[in-house]
Amino acid sequence: MKQTDIKETMHAFKPETFVFVISTDGKNPNGMVAGWNTKCSSKPPMFAVSIWKKGNTHKLISKSKEFVIAVPN
C-alpha cells in the first residue's frame, strides 16, 4: 500500500469526490462507496464519512475499531 504525507493526503479530498471505506473482520475485506464525505479539519487531520448504522461496514468498524479511507485518482 502506498504511504503518503498527511498534508498531501488531506489536499486530495475534494467536496465532489467519493471515497471507498475499507473494513475487515480479520479474514474478509469489505468495501463501501461513501458519497457523503467531508474534510473537517487539517490540524489535526480529520475526515468524516456517513455510514449506515445497520450496515455491515458499521458492524465491522465497531468490532475492529479501524478502517481505511481510499481516494480514487
N, C-alpha and C. Protein backbone atom coordinates (compact mmCIF):
# COMPACT_ATOMS: atom_id res chain seq x y z
N MET A 1 0.84 -1.16 0.00
CA MET A 1 0.00 0.00 0.00
C MET A 1 0.90 1.24 0.00
N LYS A 2 0.52 2.22 -0.80
CA LYS A 2 1.28 3.46 -0.88
C LYS A 2 1.05 4.33 0.35
N GLN A 3 2.12 4.75 1.00
CA GLN A 3 2.03 5.67 2.13
C GLN A 3 2.22 7.09 1.62
N THR A 4 1.46 8.03 2.14
CA THR A 4 1.57 9.41 1.70
C THR A 4 1.72 10.34 2.89
N ASP A 5 2.17 11.54 2.59
CA ASP A 5 2.27 12.59 3.59
C ASP A 5 0.85 13.04 3.96
N ILE A 6 0.57 13.29 5.24
CA ILE A 6 -0.78 13.64 5.67
C ILE A 6 -1.27 14.93 5.03
N LYS A 7 -0.40 15.91 4.85
CA LYS A 7 -0.80 17.17 4.22
C LYS A 7 -1.20 16.94 2.76
N GLU A 8 -0.41 16.14 2.05
CA GLU A 8 -0.71 15.79 0.66
C GLU A 8 -2.04 15.03 0.58
N THR A 9 -2.24 14.13 1.51
CA THR A 9 -3.46 13.32 1.54
C THR A 9 -4.68 14.18 1.79
N MET A 10 -4.62 15.09 2.74
CA MET A 10 -5.77 15.94 3.04
C MET A 10 -6.13 16.83 1.86
N HIS A 11 -5.16 17.24 1.07
CA HIS A 11 -5.44 18.06 -0.11
C HIS A 11 -6.10 17.26 -1.23
N ALA A 12 -5.99 15.93 -1.18
CA ALA A 12 -6.59 15.09 -2.22
C ALA A 12 -8.12 15.03 -2.10
N PHE A 13 -8.65 15.29 -0.91
CA PHE A 13 -10.09 15.21 -0.69
C PHE A 13 -10.77 16.46 -1.23
N LYS A 14 -11.66 16.28 -2.17
CA LYS A 14 -12.44 17.36 -2.76
C LYS A 14 -13.91 17.14 -2.40
N PRO A 15 -14.71 18.20 -2.31
CA PRO A 15 -16.12 18.02 -1.93
C PRO A 15 -16.90 17.09 -2.86
N GLU A 16 -16.57 17.06 -4.14
CA GLU A 16 -17.34 16.24 -5.07
C GLU A 16 -16.82 14.81 -5.20
N THR A 17 -15.74 14.48 -4.53
CA THR A 17 -15.12 13.17 -4.65
C THR A 17 -15.82 12.14 -3.77
N PHE A 18 -16.04 10.94 -4.32
CA PHE A 18 -16.49 9.84 -3.48
C PHE A 18 -15.25 9.11 -2.98
N VAL A 19 -15.40 8.39 -1.90
CA VAL A 19 -14.29 7.63 -1.32
C VAL A 19 -14.75 6.20 -1.06
N PHE A 20 -13.80 5.32 -0.91
CA PHE A 20 -14.07 3.94 -0.51
C PHE A 20 -13.75 3.81 0.97
N VAL A 21 -14.65 3.19 1.71
CA VAL A 21 -14.41 2.89 3.13
C VAL A 21 -14.14 1.40 3.19
N ILE A 22 -12.93 1.04 3.59
CA ILE A 22 -12.50 -0.36 3.62
C ILE A 22 -12.43 -0.83 5.07
N SER A 23 -13.06 -1.96 5.34
CA SER A 23 -13.02 -2.55 6.68
C SER A 23 -12.85 -4.07 6.52
N THR A 24 -12.64 -4.75 7.63
CA THR A 24 -12.45 -6.21 7.56
C THR A 24 -12.84 -6.84 8.89
N ASP A 25 -13.16 -8.12 8.82
CA ASP A 25 -13.40 -8.89 10.04
C ASP A 25 -12.14 -9.67 10.43
N GLY A 26 -11.04 -9.39 9.76
CA GLY A 26 -9.80 -10.09 10.00
C GLY A 26 -9.52 -11.16 8.95
N LYS A 27 -10.57 -11.57 8.24
CA LYS A 27 -10.42 -12.59 7.20
C LYS A 27 -10.89 -12.07 5.84
N ASN A 28 -12.05 -11.44 5.83
CA ASN A 28 -12.67 -11.00 4.59
C ASN A 28 -12.74 -9.47 4.52
N PRO A 29 -12.17 -8.88 3.46
CA PRO A 29 -12.27 -7.43 3.32
C PRO A 29 -13.68 -7.01 2.90
N ASN A 30 -14.05 -5.81 3.28
CA ASN A 30 -15.36 -5.25 2.94
C ASN A 30 -15.13 -3.84 2.42
N GLY A 31 -15.80 -3.50 1.34
CA GLY A 31 -15.67 -2.16 0.79
C GLY A 31 -17.02 -1.49 0.63
N MET A 32 -17.07 -0.20 0.89
CA MET A 32 -18.29 0.58 0.74
C MET A 32 -17.95 1.89 0.06
N VAL A 33 -18.77 2.32 -0.89
CA VAL A 33 -18.59 3.63 -1.52
C VAL A 33 -19.33 4.65 -0.68
N ALA A 34 -18.64 5.72 -0.28
CA ALA A 34 -19.25 6.78 0.50
C ALA A 34 -19.32 8.05 -0.33
N GLY A 35 -20.52 8.41 -0.71
CA GLY A 35 -20.72 9.64 -1.48
C GLY A 35 -20.81 10.86 -0.59
N TRP A 36 -21.19 10.66 0.67
CA TRP A 36 -21.24 11.79 1.60
C TRP A 36 -19.98 11.73 2.44
N ASN A 37 -19.10 12.66 2.20
CA ASN A 37 -17.85 12.74 2.95
C ASN A 37 -17.38 14.18 2.94
N THR A 38 -16.61 14.54 3.94
CA THR A 38 -16.11 15.91 4.02
C THR A 38 -14.85 16.00 4.87
N LYS A 39 -14.01 16.91 4.51
CA LYS A 39 -12.82 17.22 5.29
C LYS A 39 -13.28 18.12 6.44
N CYS A 40 -13.02 17.73 7.67
CA CYS A 40 -13.45 18.50 8.84
C CYS A 40 -12.38 19.46 9.34
N SER A 41 -11.13 19.03 9.27
CA SER A 41 -10.04 19.81 9.83
C SER A 41 -8.72 19.36 9.22
N SER A 42 -7.80 20.29 9.10
CA SER A 42 -6.47 19.90 8.65
C SER A 42 -5.49 19.84 9.83
N LYS A 43 -5.81 20.53 10.92
CA LYS A 43 -4.98 20.49 12.13
C LYS A 43 -5.90 20.33 13.34
N PRO A 44 -6.04 19.15 13.88
CA PRO A 44 -5.49 17.87 13.44
C PRO A 44 -6.26 17.36 12.21
N PRO A 45 -5.64 16.50 11.42
CA PRO A 45 -6.32 15.99 10.23
C PRO A 45 -7.54 15.13 10.61
N MET A 46 -8.72 15.57 10.17
CA MET A 46 -9.95 14.83 10.44
C MET A 46 -10.81 14.82 9.18
N PHE A 47 -11.47 13.69 8.97
CA PHE A 47 -12.29 13.49 7.79
C PHE A 47 -13.54 12.74 8.25
N ALA A 48 -14.71 13.10 7.72
CA ALA A 48 -15.96 12.46 8.12
C ALA A 48 -16.62 11.78 6.92
N VAL A 49 -17.19 10.61 7.17
CA VAL A 49 -17.99 9.91 6.16
C VAL A 49 -19.28 9.47 6.84
N SER A 50 -20.31 9.29 6.03
CA SER A 50 -21.59 8.82 6.55
C SER A 50 -21.70 7.33 6.29
N ILE A 51 -21.94 6.57 7.35
CA ILE A 51 -22.04 5.11 7.26
C ILE A 51 -23.37 4.68 7.90
N TRP A 52 -24.12 3.86 7.18
CA TRP A 52 -25.41 3.38 7.68
C TRP A 52 -25.20 2.52 8.93
N LYS A 53 -25.86 2.90 10.02
CA LYS A 53 -25.66 2.24 11.30
C LYS A 53 -26.04 0.76 11.29
N LYS A 54 -27.00 0.36 10.45
CA LYS A 54 -27.43 -1.05 10.40
C LYS A 54 -26.65 -1.86 9.37
N GLY A 55 -25.69 -1.24 8.68
CA GLY A 55 -24.95 -1.93 7.63
C GLY A 55 -23.77 -2.74 8.12
N ASN A 56 -23.28 -3.60 7.24
CA ASN A 56 -22.15 -4.47 7.55
C ASN A 56 -20.87 -3.66 7.82
N THR A 57 -20.66 -2.58 7.08
CA THR A 57 -19.47 -1.76 7.28
C THR A 57 -19.43 -1.20 8.70
N HIS A 58 -20.54 -0.70 9.17
CA HIS A 58 -20.61 -0.17 10.54
C HIS A 58 -20.31 -1.26 11.56
N LYS A 59 -20.89 -2.44 11.34
CA LYS A 59 -20.67 -3.57 12.25
C LYS A 59 -19.18 -3.93 12.32
N LEU A 60 -18.53 -4.01 11.17
CA LEU A 60 -17.11 -4.38 11.13
C LEU A 60 -16.23 -3.31 11.78
N ILE A 61 -16.52 -2.05 11.51
CA ILE A 61 -15.73 -0.96 12.10
C ILE A 61 -15.92 -0.93 13.61
N SER A 62 -17.15 -1.12 14.06
CA SER A 62 -17.41 -1.13 15.51
C SER A 62 -16.65 -2.26 16.20
N LYS A 63 -16.55 -3.39 15.53
CA LYS A 63 -15.86 -4.55 16.10
C LYS A 63 -14.34 -4.37 16.07
N SER A 64 -13.81 -3.96 14.93
CA SER A 64 -12.34 -3.89 14.78
C SER A 64 -11.74 -2.57 15.26
N LYS A 65 -12.56 -1.52 15.32
CA LYS A 65 -12.11 -0.18 15.72
C LYS A 65 -11.13 0.44 14.73
N GLU A 66 -11.17 -0.02 13.47
CA GLU A 66 -10.31 0.58 12.46
C GLU A 66 -10.91 0.42 11.07
N PHE A 67 -10.49 1.31 10.17
CA PHE A 67 -10.93 1.27 8.78
C PHE A 67 -9.97 2.13 7.97
N VAL A 68 -10.08 2.04 6.65
CA VAL A 68 -9.24 2.79 5.74
C VAL A 68 -10.14 3.60 4.82
N ILE A 69 -9.76 4.85 4.57
CA ILE A 69 -10.42 5.67 3.57
C ILE A 69 -9.51 5.66 2.34
N ALA A 70 -10.03 5.18 1.21
CA ALA A 70 -9.26 5.12 -0.03
C ALA A 70 -9.87 6.11 -1.02
N VAL A 71 -9.01 6.98 -1.60
CA VAL A 71 -9.46 8.00 -2.53
C VAL A 71 -9.05 7.59 -3.94
N PRO A 72 -10.02 7.42 -4.83
CA PRO A 72 -9.65 7.07 -6.22
C PRO A 72 -9.00 8.28 -6.92
N ASN A 73 -8.10 7.99 -7.84
CA ASN A 73 -7.48 9.11 -8.57
C ASN A 73 -7.71 8.98 -10.05
